[in-house]
């Protein structure tokens, strides 16, 4: 796998068309106070947000984790992360799956302060003055590599006054254009008491649902300049880029079932928009390259690779 074409580029931009696995309709993400996120371009094109950047980040992390084995997927083994156990040492969660990664309350709010104190000791020199992004990135790489791609905000005042944050280096979203509403609905049936009290769960309850049709596209953006700006060296940079490409490829292969009524697949090969002379490596290529990249970067990781925090409320 050759990443030379990316060494001086500011961004890696990737697009791929998506289509429903069956039929023509799909259900977009929705928000309690908004519903479907529809909008209109200046030329009156009807647009729709299908999946948000926040949700895509969660999906790109989830495809890296083997839920059955409770470990990284095989090509990623050896990467550092933080494991949270309960008072009986049973697995509770981890920094790969937590929405805020290392800033999870199960990691930083536990009565077990062993890791928190270690982290404070390493970033404590930034209590005053400008935040040293190189030191921050180096510390995060040691314990939780995902934060260098998906961002983090360590909002604890004990950690440099709550000023430690990194924006997303890898982001993605899915949107659709030329959309039209496909209205539908149904009835929750109660054959025992059709006229029962609906608010208690009884009775026939009709409902409506809006699905959509349109041209769906997934977009991915990797900020190569931000990764180089960490100052961690070419070896770690290559690892982070390879890990990002793995996440993009894996989510396109396995992670596009967003909802029951939104099961999508790639309509073709991903297109690299920038740089135009770079071909996105296949999943097999990046899986083959990752173990060696992880091994070469191992001296930057915590010695045990897995840092354990016992969560006690």
Protein backbone atom coordinates (compact mmCIF):
# COMPACT_ATOMS: atom_id res chain seq x y z
CA UNK A 1 0.00 0.00 0.00
CA UNK A 2 1.59 3.24 -1.17
CA UNK A 3 0.58 6.47 0.60
CA UNK A 4 3.24 8.71 -0.98
CA UNK A 5 0.68 10.68 -2.99
CA UNK A 6 -0.83 11.94 0.28
CA UNK A 7 2.36 13.20 1.95
CA UNK A 8 1.93 16.86 0.99
CA UNK A 9 -1.81 16.97 0.37
CA UNK A 10 -4.07 18.89 2.79
CA UNK A 11 -7.13 16.61 2.42
CA UNK A 12 -8.25 13.21 1.24
CA UNK A 13 -11.80 13.61 -0.10
CA UNK A 14 -13.84 10.54 -1.03
CA UNK A 15 -17.37 10.21 -2.40
CA UNK A 16 -19.47 7.17 -3.21
CA UNK A 17 -23.03 6.78 -4.42
CA UNK A 18 -25.38 4.67 -2.30
CA UNK A 19 -28.64 2.93 -3.08
CA UNK A 20 -31.27 1.05 -1.07
CA UNK A 21 -30.45 -2.63 -0.80
CA UNK A 22 -34.06 -3.36 -1.77
CA UNK A 23 -36.67 -1.16 -3.36
CA UNK A 24 -36.32 2.59 -3.82
CA UNK A 25 -37.29 4.13 -0.46
CA UNK A 26 -35.14 4.93 2.56
CA UNK A 27 -35.66 6.42 6.00
CA UNK A 28 -33.32 9.30 6.95
CA UNK A 29 -32.08 10.27 10.37
CA UNK A 30 -34.60 12.30 12.36
CA UNK A 31 -34.47 14.74 15.24
CA UNK A 32 -37.10 15.06 18.02
CA UNK A 33 -37.77 18.77 17.46
CA UNK A 34 -37.17 18.78 13.69
CA UNK A 35 -38.05 15.49 12.06
CA UNK A 36 -36.24 14.76 8.81
CA UNK A 37 -33.48 17.29 8.03
CA UNK A 38 -34.65 18.61 4.66
CA UNK A 39 -33.31 21.75 3.02
CA UNK A 40 -33.22 23.49 -0.34
CA UNK A 41 -30.31 24.71 -2.47
CA UNK A 42 -30.24 28.09 -4.19
CA UNK A 43 -31.42 26.46 -7.43
CA UNK A 44 -34.41 24.93 -5.57
CA UNK A 45 -32.93 21.41 -5.52
CA UNK A 46 -34.53 19.50 -2.65
CA UNK A 47 -31.91 18.03 -0.31
CA UNK A 48 -31.98 15.73 2.71
CA UNK A 49 -29.48 14.78 5.41
CA UNK A 50 -29.53 10.97 5.56
CA UNK A 51 -26.84 10.43 8.21
CA UNK A 52 -25.02 13.04 10.31
CA UNK A 53 -21.30 13.44 10.94
CA UNK A 54 -21.82 12.44 14.58
CA UNK A 55 -23.57 9.21 13.65
CA UNK A 56 -21.04 8.35 10.94
CA UNK A 57 -18.21 8.76 13.45
CA UNK A 58 -19.93 6.25 15.74
CA UNK A 59 -20.40 3.85 12.82
CA UNK A 60 -16.78 4.13 11.70
CA UNK A 61 -15.69 3.24 15.22
CA UNK A 62 -18.19 0.42 15.66
CA UNK A 63 -16.97 -1.50 12.59
CA UNK A 64 -13.50 -1.63 14.18
CA UNK A 65 -14.71 -3.59 17.20
CA UNK A 66 -15.49 -7.32 17.44
CA UNK A 67 -18.43 -7.48 19.87
CA UNK A 68 -18.23 -11.27 20.21
CA UNK A 69 -14.54 -11.38 21.12
CA UNK A 70 -14.56 -8.06 22.97
CA UNK A 71 -11.50 -6.83 21.11
CA UNK A 72 -10.38 -4.95 18.03
CA UNK A 73 -11.07 -6.55 14.68
CA UNK A 74 -8.11 -8.79 13.81
CA UNK A 75 -6.11 -6.31 11.62
CA UNK A 76 -6.26 -3.68 14.39
CA UNK A 77 -5.08 -5.76 17.33
CA UNK A 78 -2.31 -4.06 19.24
CA UNK A 79 -3.79 -0.57 19.02
CA UNK A 80 -4.21 1.17 22.39
CA UNK A 81 -7.59 1.77 24.00
CA UNK A 82 -9.13 2.16 27.45
CA UNK A 83 -11.21 -0.67 28.86
CA UNK A 84 -13.79 0.03 31.56
CA UNK A 85 -14.82 -2.71 33.99
CA UNK A 86 -17.33 -2.72 36.82
CA UNK A 87 -16.57 -3.39 40.48
CA UNK A 88 -16.59 -7.12 39.77
CA UNK A 89 -14.10 -6.74 36.89
CA UNK A 90 -16.75 -7.45 34.24
CA UNK A 91 -16.39 -5.48 30.96
CA UNK A 92 -18.64 -2.42 30.98
CA UNK A 93 -17.58 -0.31 27.99
CA UNK A 94 -14.44 1.04 26.33
CA UNK A 95 -13.07 4.14 24.62
CA UNK A 96 -13.66 2.68 21.13
CA UNK A 97 -17.41 2.45 21.68
CA UNK A 98 -18.01 5.47 23.92
CA UNK A 99 -19.40 8.46 22.01
CA UNK A 100 -16.90 10.84 23.61
CA UNK A 101 -14.06 8.33 23.62
CA UNK A 102 -11.48 9.12 26.34
CA UNK A 103 -13.78 11.87 27.68
CA UNK A 104 -16.41 9.29 28.65
CA UNK A 105 -17.77 9.81 32.18
CA UNK A 106 -17.16 6.10 32.78
CA UNK A 107 -13.45 6.85 32.33
CA UNK A 108 -12.99 10.31 33.85
CA UNK A 109 -15.75 10.39 36.49
CA UNK A 110 -15.01 7.08 38.21
CA UNK A 111 -13.90 6.93 41.84
CA UNK A 112 -10.96 4.94 40.50
CA UNK A 113 -8.61 7.87 39.77
CA UNK A 114 -5.58 5.83 38.72
CA UNK A 115 -5.84 6.65 35.04
CA UNK A 116 -7.19 10.17 35.59
CA UNK A 117 -4.21 11.03 37.77
CA UNK A 118 -1.78 9.55 35.24
CA UNK A 119 -3.39 11.59 32.47
CA UNK A 120 -3.31 14.73 34.60
CA UNK A 121 0.36 14.16 35.30
CA UNK A 122 1.18 13.96 31.59
CA UNK A 123 -0.78 17.02 30.46
CA UNK A 124 -0.40 19.05 33.66
CA UNK A 125 2.41 21.11 32.18
CA UNK A 126 -0.24 22.83 30.02
CA UNK A 127 -2.08 24.25 33.03
CA UNK A 128 -1.06 27.73 31.87
CA UNK A 129 -0.11 29.14 28.49
CA UNK A 130 -0.90 27.79 25.05
CA UNK A 131 -1.95 24.19 24.64
CA UNK A 132 0.91 22.08 23.30
CA UNK A 133 -0.89 20.13 20.57
CA UNK A 134 2.10 17.88 19.98
CA UNK A 135 2.17 16.82 23.63
CA UNK A 136 -1.60 16.41 23.67
CA UNK A 137 -1.54 14.25 20.53
CA UNK A 138 1.38 12.20 21.87
CA UNK A 139 -0.49 11.54 25.12
CA UNK A 140 -3.73 10.64 23.37
CA UNK A 141 -1.88 8.30 21.00
CA UNK A 142 -0.48 6.49 24.01
CA UNK A 143 -3.90 5.61 25.43
CA UNK A 144 -6.66 6.09 22.85
CA UNK A 145 -5.66 6.33 19.18
CA UNK A 146 -9.24 6.89 18.01
CA UNK A 147 -9.25 10.40 19.48
CA UNK A 148 -6.63 11.47 16.91
CA UNK A 149 -9.07 10.68 14.11
CA UNK A 150 -12.49 11.36 15.63
CA UNK A 151 -11.61 14.23 17.95
CA UNK A 152 -11.99 14.79 21.67
CA UNK A 153 -12.82 17.51 24.18
CA UNK A 154 -11.39 16.93 27.64
CA UNK A 155 -13.74 19.29 29.44
CA UNK A 156 -12.43 18.63 32.96
CA UNK A 157 -11.07 21.77 34.61
CA UNK A 158 -8.35 19.67 36.27
CA UNK A 159 -6.94 18.91 32.81
CA UNK A 160 -5.37 22.18 31.64
CA UNK A 161 -8.48 24.09 32.66
CA UNK A 162 -10.72 22.14 30.29
CA UNK A 163 -8.95 23.49 27.20
CA UNK A 164 -7.72 20.21 25.72
CA UNK A 165 -9.52 19.46 22.50
CA UNK A 166 -8.93 18.17 19.00
CA UNK A 167 -11.38 18.52 16.09
CA UNK A 168 -12.27 15.56 13.92
CA UNK A 169 -9.54 14.66 11.45
CA UNK A 170 -11.83 12.06 9.85
CA UNK A 171 -15.44 12.93 9.20
CA UNK A 172 -18.23 11.61 7.03
CA UNK A 173 -21.87 12.27 6.27
CA UNK A 174 -24.56 11.02 3.90
CA UNK A 175 -26.98 13.25 2.04
CA UNK A 176 -29.50 12.88 -0.78
CA UNK A 177 -30.51 15.27 -3.56
CA UNK A 178 -33.63 15.63 -5.69
CA UNK A 179 -35.61 14.02 -2.90
CA UNK A 180 -39.33 13.43 -2.76
CA UNK A 181 -41.43 12.21 0.14
CA UNK A 182 -42.82 8.69 0.02
CA UNK A 183 -45.60 8.83 2.66
CA UNK A 184 -46.78 5.62 4.25
CA UNK A 185 -48.10 4.34 7.56
CA UNK A 186 -49.76 1.50 9.36
CA UNK A 187 -51.66 0.42 12.44
CA UNK A 188 -50.47 -1.07 15.71
CA UNK A 189 -53.18 -3.71 16.12
CA UNK A 190 -54.87 -4.92 19.29
CA UNK A 191 -57.19 -7.80 18.48
CA UNK A 192 -58.13 -8.26 22.15
CA UNK A 193 -59.37 -4.72 22.81
CA UNK A 194 -59.30 -2.58 19.65
CA UNK A 195 -60.78 0.43 21.47
CA UNK A 196 -58.44 0.23 24.48
CA UNK A 197 -56.63 3.24 25.93
CA UNK A 198 -53.84 4.06 23.46
CA UNK A 199 -51.63 5.96 25.91
CA UNK A 200 -51.37 2.80 27.99
CA UNK A 201 -50.43 0.69 24.97
CA UNK A 202 -53.85 -0.79 24.24
CA UNK A 203 -56.15 -0.50 21.21
CA UNK A 204 -55.64 -0.04 17.49
CA UNK A 205 -53.19 2.87 16.98
CA UNK A 206 -52.77 4.22 13.43
CA UNK A 207 -49.50 5.95 12.57
CA UNK A 208 -47.94 7.69 9.58
CA UNK A 209 -44.35 7.63 8.38
CA UNK A 210 -42.48 9.64 5.76
CA UNK A 211 -39.78 7.86 3.81
CA UNK A 212 -37.90 9.35 0.87
CA UNK A 213 -36.56 8.65 -2.57
CA UNK A 214 -33.60 10.40 -4.14
CA UNK A 215 -29.95 10.25 -5.19
CA UNK A 216 -27.85 9.29 -2.14
CA UNK A 217 -24.14 10.05 -1.70
CA UNK A 218 -21.72 9.34 1.15
CA UNK A 219 -18.89 11.84 1.68
CA UNK A 220 -15.66 11.28 3.64
CA UNK A 221 -13.03 13.90 4.54
CA UNK A 222 -9.63 13.09 6.06
CA UNK A 223 -7.67 16.15 7.20
CA UNK A 224 -4.11 15.12 6.31
CA UNK A 225 -2.71 18.51 7.33
CA UNK A 226 -4.11 18.08 10.84
CA UNK A 227 -2.57 14.62 11.14
CA UNK A 228 0.85 15.92 10.05
CA UNK A 229 0.41 18.84 12.44
CA UNK A 230 0.44 16.45 15.40
CA UNK A 231 4.19 16.10 14.78
CA UNK A 232 4.21 12.38 15.56
CA UNK A 233 6.37 11.30 12.62
CA UNK A 234 5.76 9.66 9.26
CA UNK A 235 5.28 6.19 10.76
CA UNK A 236 2.40 7.27 12.99
CA UNK A 237 0.99 9.48 10.23
CA UNK A 238 0.87 6.46 7.91
CA UNK A 239 -0.81 4.40 10.62
CA UNK A 240 -3.49 7.05 11.16
CA UNK A 241 -4.14 7.41 7.42
CA UNK A 242 -4.33 3.62 6.99
CA UNK A 243 -6.67 3.35 9.97
CA UNK A 244 -8.90 6.07 8.48
CA UNK A 245 -9.03 4.30 5.10
CA UNK A 246 -9.84 1.03 6.89
CA UNK A 247 -12.76 2.74 8.64
CA UNK A 248 -14.08 4.18 5.36
CA UNK A 249 -13.80 0.87 3.53
CA UNK A 250 -15.23 -1.15 6.42
CA UNK A 251 -18.27 1.07 6.93
CA UNK A 252 -19.01 0.94 3.20
CA UNK A 253 -18.72 -2.85 3.27
CA UNK A 254 -20.53 -3.56 6.54
CA UNK A 255 -21.93 -0.46 8.20
CA UNK A 256 -24.63 0.96 5.92
CA UNK A 257 -27.68 -0.52 7.65
CA UNK A 258 -28.54 2.75 9.36
CA UNK A 259 -32.09 1.80 10.34
CA UNK A 260 -34.65 -0.94 9.66
CA UNK A 261 -36.01 1.11 6.75
CA UNK A 262 -32.61 2.46 5.67
CA UNK A 263 -30.45 -0.44 4.51
CA UNK A 264 -28.03 0.82 1.87
CA UNK A 265 -25.13 -0.42 -0.25
CA UNK A 266 -22.47 1.24 -2.37
CA UNK A 267 -23.64 1.79 -5.95
CA UNK A 268 -20.06 1.60 -7.23
CA UNK A 269 -16.43 2.09 -6.24
CA UNK A 270 -15.55 5.10 -4.05
CA UNK A 271 -14.23 8.07 -6.03
CA UNK A 272 -11.24 10.02 -4.71
CA UNK A 273 -12.04 13.67 -5.44
CA UNK A 274 -8.75 14.97 -3.94
CA UNK A 275 -5.99 14.26 -4.71
CA UNK A 276 -7.07 13.13 -8.16
CA UNK A 277 -3.98 10.96 -8.70
CA UNK A 278 -4.61 8.76 -5.63
CA UNK A 279 -6.49 5.47 -5.80
CA UNK A 280 -8.17 4.43 -2.56
CA UNK A 281 -6.62 1.13 -1.38
CA UNK A 282 -8.94 -1.84 -1.13
CA UNK A 283 -9.99 -3.22 2.23
CA UNK A 284 -7.74 -6.24 1.67
CA UNK A 285 -4.73 -3.96 0.96
CA UNK A 286 -5.20 -1.87 4.07
CA UNK A 287 -5.89 -4.93 6.25
CA UNK A 288 -2.61 -6.40 5.04
CA UNK A 289 -0.64 -3.23 5.79
CA UNK A 290 -2.05 -2.38 9.24
CA UNK A 291 -0.35 -5.05 11.41
CA UNK A 292 3.12 -3.92 10.32
CA UNK A 293 2.24 -0.23 10.76
CA UNK A 294 0.92 -0.99 14.27
CA UNK A 295 4.06 -2.94 15.16
CA UNK A 296 6.34 -0.13 13.96
CA UNK A 297 4.42 2.47 16.02
CA UNK A 298 4.23 0.30 19.14
CA UNK A 299 6.80 2.29 21.13
CA UNK A 300 4.32 5.22 21.16
CA UNK A 301 1.60 3.19 22.89
CA UNK A 302 1.00 2.41 26.55
CA UNK A 303 3.08 -0.60 27.50
CA UNK A 304 0.03 -2.81 28.16
CA UNK A 305 -1.84 -1.41 25.10
CA UNK A 306 -5.08 -1.81 27.08
CA UNK A 307 -5.49 0.61 29.99
CA UNK A 308 -8.11 -0.60 32.47
CA UNK A 309 -10.34 1.71 34.52
CA UNK A 310 -12.66 0.29 37.18
CA UNK A 311 -15.88 2.31 37.14
CA UNK A 312 -17.37 3.01 40.55
CA UNK A 313 -20.09 5.65 40.69
